[in-house]
Protein backbone atom coordinates (compact mmCIF):
# COMPACT_ATOMS: atom_id res chain seq x y z
CA MET A 1 88.94 111.72 154.34
CA HIS A 2 90.42 109.22 151.88
CA GLN A 3 92.84 111.81 150.49
CA ALA A 4 94.14 112.53 154.00
CA ILE A 5 94.69 108.84 154.86
CA ARG A 6 96.61 107.80 151.72
CA PRO A 7 99.74 109.92 152.37
CA ARG A 8 100.01 108.40 155.87
CA HIS A 9 99.82 104.89 154.41
CA ARG A 10 102.56 105.70 151.90
CA ARG A 11 104.76 107.17 154.62
CA SER A 12 104.30 104.05 156.78
CA ARG A 13 105.32 101.80 153.89
CA ARG A 14 108.39 103.93 153.23
CA TRP A 15 109.32 103.71 156.91
CA ALA A 16 108.91 99.90 156.89
CA ALA A 17 111.20 99.62 153.89
CA PHE A 18 113.73 101.88 155.62
CA VAL A 19 113.97 99.72 158.78
CA PRO A 20 116.41 97.02 157.50
CA LEU A 21 118.80 99.65 156.12
CA ALA A 22 118.51 101.68 159.30
CA LEU A 23 119.42 98.61 161.36
CA LEU A 24 122.62 98.09 159.37
CA LEU A 25 123.55 101.76 159.53
CA LEU A 26 122.91 101.79 163.28
CA LEU A 27 125.25 98.83 163.75
CA ALA A 28 127.88 100.46 161.57
CA LEU A 29 127.78 103.72 163.47
CA ALA A 30 127.55 102.06 166.86
CA GLY A 31 130.70 99.96 166.49
CA CYS A 32 132.02 96.61 165.39
CA VAL A 33 129.86 93.65 164.48
CA ARG A 34 130.81 90.09 165.36
CA VAL A 35 129.31 87.11 163.54
CA GLN A 36 130.62 83.62 164.23
CA ALA A 37 128.93 80.58 162.70
CA THR A 38 130.09 77.03 163.43
CA LEU A 39 128.04 74.26 161.81
CA ALA A 40 128.37 70.49 161.46
CA VAL A 41 126.49 68.39 158.89
CA SER A 42 125.83 64.74 159.77
CA GLU A 43 125.60 61.78 157.41
CA ASP A 44 121.81 61.73 157.80
CA ASP A 45 121.52 65.30 156.46
CA LEU A 46 120.96 67.00 159.81
CA VAL A 47 122.71 70.23 160.79
CA SER A 48 123.80 71.22 164.29
CA GLY A 49 125.79 74.23 165.41
CA GLN A 50 126.13 77.59 167.05
CA LEU A 51 125.71 81.11 165.77
CA VAL A 52 126.91 84.29 167.48
CA ILE A 53 125.58 87.66 166.32
CA ALA A 54 126.72 90.61 168.42
CA ALA A 55 127.77 94.26 168.27
CA VAL A 56 129.77 96.57 170.51
CA GLY A 57 127.41 98.01 173.11
CA THR A 58 126.75 101.73 172.88
CA LYS A 59 124.99 102.29 176.21
CA GLN A 60 124.22 100.58 179.48
CA GLY A 61 121.64 97.85 179.08
CA ASP A 62 122.28 97.45 175.34
CA THR A 63 121.36 93.91 174.25
CA GLY A 64 122.78 94.05 170.73
CA PRO A 65 121.10 93.08 167.43
CA VAL A 66 117.52 91.84 167.58
CA LEU A 67 117.13 88.27 166.35
CA THR A 68 113.95 86.47 165.36
CA ILE A 69 113.53 82.70 165.79
CA PRO A 70 110.70 81.17 163.72
CA LYS A 71 107.88 79.65 165.77
CA GLU A 72 108.28 76.39 163.86
CA LEU A 73 111.78 75.99 165.32
CA ALA A 74 111.01 77.03 168.89
CA GLY A 75 111.67 73.53 170.22
CA LYS A 76 114.92 73.00 168.30
CA VAL A 77 116.63 76.39 168.55
CA LYS A 78 117.82 77.99 171.80
CA THR A 79 119.14 81.49 172.41
CA GLN A 80 121.16 82.97 175.25
CA VAL A 81 122.77 86.31 176.00
CA TYR A 82 126.28 86.80 174.59
CA THR A 83 128.78 89.17 176.21
CA ALA A 84 132.51 89.12 175.43
CA ASP A 85 135.21 91.71 174.67
CA GLY A 86 132.69 94.54 174.87
CA TYR A 87 130.31 92.83 172.43
CA VAL A 88 126.68 92.21 173.33
CA GLY A 89 124.25 90.03 171.44
CA GLN A 90 122.93 86.51 171.36
CA THR A 91 124.22 82.98 170.89
CA VAL A 92 121.90 80.76 168.87
CA SER A 93 122.34 77.01 169.34
CA PHE A 94 120.52 74.28 167.42
CA GLN A 95 120.65 70.52 167.11
CA GLY A 96 119.45 68.22 164.33
CA LEU A 97 117.87 70.73 161.93
CA SER A 98 116.87 69.51 158.51
CA PHE A 99 118.13 71.32 155.40
CA ALA A 100 114.75 73.05 155.01
CA GLU A 101 114.80 74.19 158.65
CA VAL A 102 118.30 75.65 158.25
CA THR A 103 117.06 77.71 155.30
CA LEU A 104 114.07 78.90 157.32
CA LEU A 105 116.31 79.93 160.23
CA GLY A 106 118.72 81.81 157.96
CA ASP A 107 115.91 83.69 156.22
CA SER A 108 114.15 84.69 159.43
CA ILE A 109 116.84 85.37 162.00
CA THR A 110 117.47 89.03 161.06
CA VAL A 111 115.12 91.79 159.95
CA GLY A 112 117.12 92.77 156.89
CA LYS A 113 117.90 89.16 155.89
CA GLN A 114 121.61 89.91 155.76
CA TYR A 115 122.44 86.23 156.22
CA ARG A 116 121.34 83.50 153.80
CA LEU A 117 122.15 79.80 154.01
CA SER A 118 120.74 76.72 152.32
CA PHE A 119 121.60 73.06 151.75
CA ARG A 120 120.39 70.88 148.88
CA ARG A 121 120.91 67.21 148.03
CA ALA A 122 121.04 65.72 144.53
CA GLY A 123 121.95 62.03 144.59
CA ASP A 124 125.17 61.62 146.56
CA LEU A 125 126.06 65.32 146.23
CA VAL A 126 125.14 67.94 148.85
CA THR A 127 125.49 71.59 147.91
CA MET A 128 125.66 74.41 150.43
CA ALA A 129 125.16 78.00 149.33
CA GLY A 130 124.85 81.24 151.23
CA SER A 131 125.75 84.90 151.49
CA VAL A 132 126.56 87.57 154.08
CA ASP A 133 125.64 91.17 153.35
CA LEU A 134 128.13 93.52 155.02
CA SER A 135 127.91 96.22 152.35
CA GLU A 136 126.84 98.91 154.84
CA LEU A 137 129.70 98.30 157.28
CA PRO A 138 133.11 100.04 157.20
CA PRO A 139 136.11 97.75 156.55
CA ASP A 140 137.38 98.00 160.12
CA ARG A 141 134.07 97.38 161.88
CA ALA A 142 133.19 93.74 161.30
CA GLU A 143 134.52 90.41 162.48
CA VAL A 144 132.85 87.58 160.58
CA GLN A 145 133.86 83.93 160.41
CA ILE A 146 131.98 80.89 159.10
CA LYS A 147 133.00 77.25 159.55
CA VAL A 148 131.11 74.20 158.29
CA SER A 149 132.20 70.59 158.84
CA PHE A 150 131.03 67.94 156.36
CA PRO A 151 131.01 64.13 156.70
CA GLY A 152 132.21 63.40 153.15
CA SER A 153 134.81 64.64 150.69
CA VAL A 154 134.58 68.27 149.59
CA THR A 155 134.66 68.28 145.78
CA ARG A 156 134.36 72.05 145.22
CA THR A 157 134.29 75.20 147.36
CA ASN A 158 135.27 78.86 147.28
CA GLY A 159 136.37 78.66 150.93
CA ILE A 160 139.38 77.13 152.65
CA ASN A 161 139.03 73.36 153.06
CA THR A 162 140.86 71.77 155.98
CA ASN A 163 140.15 68.03 156.28
CA GLY A 164 136.46 68.41 155.54
CA THR A 165 135.94 71.66 157.47
CA VAL A 166 135.42 74.64 155.16
CA SER A 167 135.89 78.18 156.46
CA TRP A 168 135.18 81.67 155.13
CA LYS A 169 136.00 85.17 156.36
CA PRO A 170 133.62 87.59 154.61
CA LYS A 171 134.96 91.10 154.18
CA PRO A 172 133.08 94.21 155.36
CA GLY A 173 131.87 96.64 152.73
CA ALA A 174 130.64 93.95 150.34
CA VAL A 175 128.27 91.02 149.87
CA THR A 176 130.18 87.76 150.21
CA GLU A 177 128.82 84.55 148.70
CA PHE A 178 130.06 81.17 149.86
CA ASP A 179 129.45 77.67 148.55
CA ALA A 180 130.62 74.09 148.88
CA THR A 181 129.79 70.79 147.20
CA VAL A 182 130.30 67.59 149.17
CA GLN A 183 129.91 63.94 148.21
CA TYR A 184 128.53 61.46 150.73
CA THR A 185 125.70 58.97 151.03
CA ASP A 186 122.57 59.84 152.98
CA LYS A 187 122.53 57.38 155.91
CA SER A 188 118.87 58.07 156.62
CA GLY A 189 117.88 56.21 153.45
CA VAL A 190 119.18 54.54 150.32
CA SER A 191 121.04 56.94 148.05
CA TRP A 192 120.06 57.47 144.42
CA THR A 193 123.12 55.58 143.16
CA LYS A 194 122.48 52.59 145.41
CA TRP A 195 118.80 52.68 144.48
CA VAL A 196 119.66 52.47 140.77
CA VAL A 197 122.05 49.57 141.44
CA ILE A 198 119.49 47.73 143.56
CA VAL A 199 116.71 48.23 141.01
CA GLY A 200 119.00 47.17 138.15
CA ALA A 201 120.18 44.07 140.00
CA SER A 202 116.60 43.17 140.88
CA ALA A 203 115.50 43.55 137.27
CA ILE A 204 118.31 41.28 136.08
CA GLY A 205 117.47 38.73 138.78
CA VAL A 206 113.81 38.68 137.79
CA ALA A 207 114.72 38.30 134.12
CA LEU A 208 117.02 35.33 134.88
CA LEU A 209 114.33 33.73 137.06
CA VAL A 210 111.72 34.07 134.30
CA LEU A 211 114.14 32.58 131.76
CA ALA A 212 114.95 29.64 134.05
CA LEU A 213 111.26 28.94 134.65
CA ALA A 214 110.58 29.11 130.91
CA LEU A 215 113.34 26.59 130.16
CA PHE A 216 112.18 24.29 132.95
CA THR A 217 108.58 24.41 131.71
CA HIS A 218 109.71 23.78 128.14
CA LYS A 219 111.73 20.67 129.18
CA ARG A 220 108.82 19.28 131.18
CA SER A 221 106.48 19.69 128.23
CA LEU A 222 108.94 17.84 125.96
CA LYS A 223 109.17 14.93 128.42
CA ALA A 224 105.40 14.73 128.76
CA ALA A 225 104.99 14.60 124.98
CA GLY A 226 107.43 11.68 124.70
CA PRO A 227 109.85 10.93 121.86
CA PRO A 228 108.80 12.11 118.42
CA THR A 229 107.13 9.45 116.21
CA ARG A 230 108.66 8.57 112.88
CA SER A 231 106.45 8.62 109.82
CA LEU A 232 106.54 5.55 107.52
């Protein structure tokens, strides 16, 4: 009996691995894919925005690509049906997600994990990195646009920066990576630079206070001892 069950288990694992690729191929054969992402990062490191993922419908009642919202984000992320220009899919809206929650949403929203997005802070610098996998789509069957607005100055990016809003247009038939580095202070707490300045200033203040107390104590001890006596 064991020899008869093993081949079935192997076939089921092969089928599970085939599902993400099959989803992409189905979208490619069915028609165009539309992905529109508009995000805004606030000064307290929270991300809000809207994401549209849709495809041209192939039959009546077609609802477009299947999206998965993590249970942890059920109260912060909302979805609604998207229909426009023959496209069918979903609009995903979210408000006030932390950087970690944005990463979780990007990793979980599609079966094949075609979309990846993450934010990371180091001192006063915030780095955004991500990718869109359109390698299985023909060049004329995808419409993808990504826009992210930042509160500070963009110091480096491989996108087009327009007054703090960076945009990308990934091309079908390839994997497109996008990144941006922005400098701004986290308003939800004291930044690393300010923390160093505050700690340094406090240390100097304490040192000066200790020195002043030492001098004051030394002068008082001299007065209490009186003038030095001369030896005959």
